[in-house]
Amino acid sequence: MAKVDLISNTWVDLVFEGRNQTYGAYKLRKGTARRNIWSLIIVFAAAVLLYLAISINNAYEASRKKAAYNEAMELSKLIEKKEAKVEKKTPEKIEIIKPIERVKSSIKFTAPVIKKDEDVKPEEEMKNQDDLQKTNTTIGAFNVEGNDEEGGEILKAKEEIVQPAEPPKEEETKIFDVVEEMPMFPGGEAALMEYLQKNLRYPAVASENGIEGRVIVRFVVGKDGAVSQVTVARGVDPSLDKEAVRVVESMPRWTPGKQNGQAVNVFYTLPVTFKLQ
């Protein structure tokens, strides 16, 4: 097999020998060698540039990672040094010096109370006028041996601190679901239905959109008959739910429910019906 030479143009002259060389094909074939050389140069240059770009990028990434690693190491060393320098100081005990109360000597004043002689203790015996004149001690609430007769004060009885009221018993705050005598609206069921019919105002939004239904309202009838904690157990539409809650909250006091003869707090469920005429 003959050796192919991409640079030499001798084969062109052989092919076009004795032919019309002014034809474009001759000139095109004549420039093939030059085009091949430039193609090789361009491919080689592109390969070199690509290799250089990859090498530069790898070197940059390596230097960046190394710098980040060095920075992290330096930061960890600084943190270790700071932690080593921090010394835990034991809290100093502060002694609170209580001031010594200066008290003047006094004799307990005994109010006259009629008792049998054997029931009266010696320290509770009432001092007579002669005994009081013989002593320079002040009369106070207690028998006290003072430590400062001139600058001291008479020891007074401390006022009794009012104890907080006991929390209400569980029975007083418990809310029953069912009791022996359930709460009742004043006048009974018929009066309740009449109250709802007179006081319900059909919301305009619900009326225009043709919305109707039954809203289930749950509330508490207290021991005093007051209605509280009104919630919607099952709603129909926000406007209807809001109106049902408003009507129930505006109700007068009920007759409270009773358990064992005592008025108690009772949950009550009431359906409020909205129906377009």
Protein backbone atom coordinates (compact mmCIF):
# COMPACT_ATOMS: atom_id res chain seq x y z
CA MET A 1 0.00 0.00 0.00
CA ALA A 2 1.38 3.40 -0.99
CA LYS A 3 2.27 5.87 1.73
CA VAL A 4 -0.21 8.76 1.99
CA ASP A 5 1.43 12.18 2.18
CA LEU A 6 -1.07 14.86 3.31
CA ILE A 7 1.37 17.71 2.70
CA SER A 8 2.79 16.99 -0.75
CA ASN A 9 0.90 18.28 -3.85
CA THR A 10 2.71 16.16 -6.46
CA TRP A 11 -0.28 13.87 -6.87
CA VAL A 12 -2.36 16.82 -8.00
CA ASP A 13 -0.03 17.54 -10.89
CA LEU A 14 -0.09 13.90 -11.89
CA VAL A 15 -3.86 13.73 -11.86
CA PHE A 16 -4.34 16.96 -13.80
CA GLU A 17 -1.46 16.37 -16.27
CA GLY A 18 -2.59 17.16 -19.80
CA ARG A 19 -5.93 18.50 -18.56
CA ASN A 20 -7.44 21.94 -18.15
CA GLN A 21 -5.72 23.24 -15.01
CA THR A 22 -7.64 26.47 -15.04
CA TYR A 23 -10.63 24.51 -13.85
CA GLY A 24 -11.58 25.20 -10.22
CA ALA A 25 -11.01 21.61 -9.12
CA TYR A 26 -7.28 21.89 -9.79
CA LYS A 27 -6.93 24.99 -7.64
CA LEU A 28 -9.04 23.42 -4.91
CA ARG A 29 -6.93 20.25 -4.87
CA LYS A 30 -3.76 22.34 -5.00
CA GLY A 31 -4.66 24.05 -1.68
CA THR A 32 -5.47 20.83 0.14
CA ALA A 33 -2.00 20.51 1.70
CA ARG A 34 -2.13 24.04 3.13
CA ARG A 35 -5.59 23.43 4.59
CA ASN A 36 -4.46 20.17 6.15
CA ILE A 37 -1.48 21.88 7.79
CA TRP A 38 -3.67 24.66 9.24
CA SER A 39 -6.17 22.12 10.48
CA LEU A 40 -3.46 20.21 12.32
CA ILE A 41 -2.08 23.44 13.79
CA ILE A 42 -5.52 24.56 14.96
CA VAL A 43 -6.36 21.16 16.50
CA PHE A 44 -2.99 21.05 18.26
CA ALA A 45 -3.38 24.61 19.54
CA ALA A 46 -6.91 23.86 20.80
CA ALA A 47 -5.64 20.74 22.58
CA VAL A 48 -2.82 22.72 24.20
CA LEU A 49 -5.21 25.47 25.32
CA LEU A 50 -7.65 22.92 26.74
CA TYR A 51 -4.86 21.17 28.62
CA LEU A 52 -3.58 24.49 29.98
CA ALA A 53 -7.10 25.51 31.09
CA ILE A 54 -7.65 22.21 32.91
CA SER A 55 -4.24 22.42 34.55
CA ILE A 56 -4.82 26.02 35.70
CA ASN A 57 -8.27 25.15 37.06
CA ASN A 58 -6.91 22.13 38.97
CA ALA A 59 -4.10 24.23 40.40
CA TYR A 60 -6.55 26.96 41.47
CA GLU A 61 -8.88 24.44 43.16
CA ALA A 62 -5.97 22.82 44.96
CA SER A 63 -4.65 26.17 46.21
CA ARG A 64 -8.16 27.22 47.33
CA LYS A 65 -8.70 24.00 49.26
CA LYS A 66 -5.28 24.30 50.84
CA ALA A 67 -5.98 27.90 51.90
CA ALA A 68 -9.35 26.89 53.39
CA TYR A 69 -7.71 24.00 55.25
CA ASN A 70 -4.98 26.27 56.62
CA GLU A 71 -7.58 28.83 57.71
CA ALA A 72 -9.63 26.17 59.49
CA MET A 73 -6.53 24.86 61.28
CA GLU A 74 -5.55 28.34 62.43
CA LEU A 75 -9.08 29.01 63.66
CA SER A 76 -9.16 25.75 65.62
CA LYS A 77 -5.82 26.61 67.22
CA LEU A 78 -7.09 30.04 68.24
CA ILE A 79 -10.21 28.49 69.78
CA GLU A 80 -8.09 25.99 71.72
CA LYS A 81 -5.88 28.80 73.03
CA LYS A 82 -8.89 30.84 74.16
CA GLU A 83 -10.43 27.85 75.90
CA ALA A 84 -7.13 27.15 77.64
CA LYS A 85 -6.90 30.73 78.88
CA VAL A 86 -10.42 30.76 80.35
CA GLU A 87 -10.22 29.88 84.01
CA LYS A 88 -13.24 28.93 85.99
CA LYS A 89 -13.57 31.18 88.98
CA THR A 90 -15.23 29.79 92.02
CA PRO A 91 -18.11 32.03 93.09
CA GLU A 92 -17.29 34.10 96.10
CA LYS A 93 -19.52 33.57 99.06
CA ILE A 94 -21.15 36.79 100.13
CA GLU A 95 -21.96 36.89 103.76
CA ILE A 96 -24.98 38.97 104.55
CA ILE A 97 -24.55 40.66 107.88
CA LYS A 98 -27.89 41.05 109.53
CA PRO A 99 -28.19 44.25 111.52
CA ILE A 100 -28.65 43.69 115.23
CA GLU A 101 -32.01 44.99 116.30
CA ARG A 102 -31.80 47.40 119.20
CA VAL A 103 -34.55 46.60 121.66
CA LYS A 104 -35.57 48.39 124.83
CA SER A 105 -36.56 46.37 127.91
CA SER A 106 -40.30 46.20 128.48
CA ILE A 107 -42.92 44.63 130.74
CA LYS A 108 -45.89 42.91 129.17
CA PHE A 109 -49.12 44.81 129.55
CA THR A 110 -51.83 42.50 130.86
CA ALA A 111 -55.36 43.41 129.95
CA PRO A 112 -57.85 42.80 132.74
CA VAL A 113 -59.57 39.45 132.19
CA ILE A 114 -61.73 37.70 134.75
CA LYS A 115 -60.27 34.23 135.46
CA LYS A 116 -59.95 31.86 138.34
CA ASP A 117 -56.80 32.27 140.41
CA GLU A 118 -55.50 28.79 139.53
CA ASP A 119 -55.85 29.56 135.79
CA VAL A 120 -53.68 32.66 135.91
CA LYS A 121 -49.99 32.15 135.12
CA PRO A 122 -47.40 34.16 137.06
CA GLU A 123 -46.23 36.05 133.97
CA GLU A 124 -49.85 36.93 133.17
CA GLU A 125 -50.57 38.48 136.55
CA MET A 126 -51.56 42.08 136.26
CA LYS A 127 -48.93 44.48 137.64
CA ASN A 128 -50.11 46.80 140.34
CA GLN A 129 -49.37 50.50 140.41
CA ASP A 130 -46.55 50.18 142.97
CA ASP A 131 -44.68 47.64 140.85
CA LEU A 132 -44.94 49.87 137.81
CA GLN A 133 -43.62 52.91 139.72
CA LYS A 134 -40.63 50.99 141.13
CA THR A 135 -39.35 49.96 137.71
CA ASN A 136 -38.05 52.14 134.90
CA THR A 137 -38.94 49.49 132.31
CA THR A 138 -41.37 50.43 129.56
CA ILE A 139 -44.73 48.69 129.21
CA GLY A 140 -45.02 46.78 125.96
CA ALA A 141 -46.55 43.73 124.34
CA PHE A 142 -44.01 41.27 125.81
CA ASN A 143 -41.64 40.78 128.73
CA VAL A 144 -38.35 41.66 127.07
CA GLU A 145 -34.77 41.99 128.29
CA GLY A 146 -33.42 44.69 126.01
CA ASN A 147 -29.92 45.47 124.77
CA ASP A 148 -30.22 49.25 124.36
CA GLU A 149 -32.27 51.11 126.93
CA GLU A 150 -31.62 54.56 125.44
CA GLY A 151 -31.57 54.12 121.68
CA GLY A 152 -33.61 50.94 121.44
CA GLU A 153 -37.24 50.55 120.45
CA ILE A 154 -40.08 48.71 122.11
CA LEU A 155 -40.59 45.27 120.60
CA LYS A 156 -44.00 45.23 118.92
CA ALA A 157 -46.15 42.28 118.02
CA LYS A 158 -45.98 41.41 114.32
CA GLU A 159 -49.18 41.66 112.37
CA GLU A 160 -50.68 38.36 111.35
CA ILE A 161 -50.25 37.70 107.66
CA VAL A 162 -53.53 37.06 105.91
CA GLN A 163 -53.50 33.52 104.54
CA PRO A 164 -54.46 33.14 100.87
CA ALA A 165 -57.94 31.96 100.23
CA GLU A 166 -58.30 28.25 99.69
CA PRO A 167 -58.69 27.21 96.07
CA PRO A 168 -62.23 26.35 95.10
CA LYS A 169 -63.17 22.74 95.53
CA GLU A 170 -63.34 20.50 92.48
CA GLU A 171 -67.10 20.12 92.86
CA GLU A 172 -67.51 23.91 92.57
CA THR A 173 -65.58 24.15 89.29
CA LYS A 174 -66.61 20.82 87.73
CA ILE A 175 -68.85 20.99 84.67
CA PHE A 176 -71.35 18.13 84.36
CA ASP A 177 -72.62 16.70 81.09
CA VAL A 178 -75.75 15.12 82.60
CA VAL A 179 -77.34 15.88 85.98
CA GLU A 180 -80.48 14.86 87.82
CA GLU A 181 -82.22 18.14 86.96
CA MET A 182 -81.06 19.63 83.67
CA PRO A 183 -80.95 23.43 83.20
CA MET A 184 -84.09 25.05 81.83
CA PHE A 185 -84.74 28.24 79.89
CA PRO A 186 -87.13 30.57 81.75
CA GLY A 187 -90.61 29.41 80.67
CA GLY A 188 -89.49 26.07 79.25
CA GLU A 189 -88.87 24.77 75.72
CA ALA A 190 -91.70 26.77 74.15
CA ALA A 191 -90.32 30.01 75.56
CA LEU A 192 -86.86 29.07 74.27
CA MET A 193 -88.13 28.49 70.73
CA GLU A 194 -90.03 31.77 70.86
CA TYR A 195 -86.92 33.59 72.05
CA LEU A 196 -84.86 32.21 69.16
CA GLN A 197 -87.56 33.06 66.62
CA LYS A 198 -87.81 36.67 67.80
CA ASN A 199 -84.09 37.38 68.26
CA LEU A 200 -82.48 35.55 65.31
CA ARG A 201 -81.44 37.91 62.51
CA TYR A 202 -80.82 36.08 59.24
CA PRO A 203 -77.40 37.21 57.89
CA ALA A 204 -77.76 39.08 54.59
CA VAL A 205 -74.84 37.22 52.99
CA ALA A 206 -76.37 33.83 53.78
CA SER A 207 -79.81 34.98 52.64
CA GLU A 208 -78.52 36.24 49.27
CA ASN A 209 -76.62 33.01 48.65
CA GLY A 210 -79.52 30.80 49.74
CA ILE A 211 -77.59 29.26 52.66
CA GLU A 212 -79.62 27.57 55.39
CA GLY A 213 -79.13 24.80 57.90
CA ARG A 214 -78.86 23.89 61.57
CA VAL A 215 -76.01 25.17 63.76
CA ILE A 216 -75.29 23.07 66.88
CA VAL A 217 -74.17 25.33 69.74
CA ARG A 218 -72.67 24.07 73.01
CA PHE A 219 -72.44 26.23 76.13
CA VAL A 220 -72.29 26.10 79.93
CA VAL A 221 -75.15 27.02 82.21
CA GLY A 222 -73.50 28.06 85.46
CA LYS A 223 -74.68 27.55 89.01
CA ASP A 224 -76.10 31.08 88.88
CA GLY A 225 -77.89 30.37 85.58
CA ALA A 226 -75.53 32.53 83.50
CA VAL A 227 -74.61 31.32 79.99
CA SER A 228 -70.86 31.12 79.22
CA GLN A 229 -68.25 29.28 77.12
CA VAL A 230 -70.41 29.38 73.97
CA THR A 231 -68.87 27.34 71.14
CA VAL A 232 -70.05 25.94 67.79
CA ALA A 233 -70.09 22.13 67.94
CA ARG A 234 -71.18 21.80 64.29
CA GLY A 235 -71.35 24.75 61.95
CA VAL A 236 -72.99 25.47 58.62
CA ASP A 237 -71.58 28.80 57.41
CA PRO A 238 -69.41 31.40 59.21
CA SER A 239 -72.17 34.01 59.07
CA LEU A 240 -74.81 31.62 60.44
CA ASP A 241 -72.40 30.29 63.11
CA LYS A 242 -71.61 33.82 64.29
CA GLU A 243 -75.28 34.76 64.54
CA ALA A 244 -76.11 31.59 66.51
CA VAL A 245 -73.35 32.34 69.03
CA ARG A 246 -74.54 35.94 69.38
CA VAL A 247 -78.12 34.90 70.13
CA VAL A 248 -77.06 32.31 72.73
CA GLU A 249 -74.68 34.73 74.47
CA SER A 250 -77.47 37.31 74.78
CA MET A 251 -79.84 34.86 76.51
CA PRO A 252 -81.22 35.70 79.97
CA ARG A 253 -80.22 33.61 82.97
CA TRP A 254 -81.47 30.03 82.96
CA THR A 255 -82.74 27.93 85.82
CA PRO A 256 -79.50 26.13 86.78
CA GLY A 257 -79.15 22.36 86.75
CA LYS A 258 -79.00 20.45 90.03
CA GLN A 259 -77.13 17.40 91.26
CA ASN A 260 -77.97 15.98 94.71
CA GLY A 261 -80.10 19.04 95.32
CA GLN A 262 -77.18 21.46 94.70
CA ALA A 263 -76.90 23.88 91.76
CA VAL A 264 -73.99 22.89 89.50
CA ASN A 265 -72.36 23.90 86.19
CA VAL A 266 -73.81 21.93 83.27
CA PHE A 267 -72.98 21.66 79.57
CA TYR A 268 -75.98 22.25 77.31
CA THR A 269 -76.31 21.60 73.56
CA LEU A 270 -78.80 23.62 71.55
CA PRO A 271 -79.64 23.37 67.81
CA VAL A 272 -80.29 26.74 66.16
CA THR A 273 -82.14 26.34 62.84
CA PHE A 274 -81.84 28.85 59.98
CA LYS A 275 -84.46 28.37 57.28
CA LEU A 276 -85.31 30.70 54.41
CA GLN A 277 -89.02 31.42 53.97
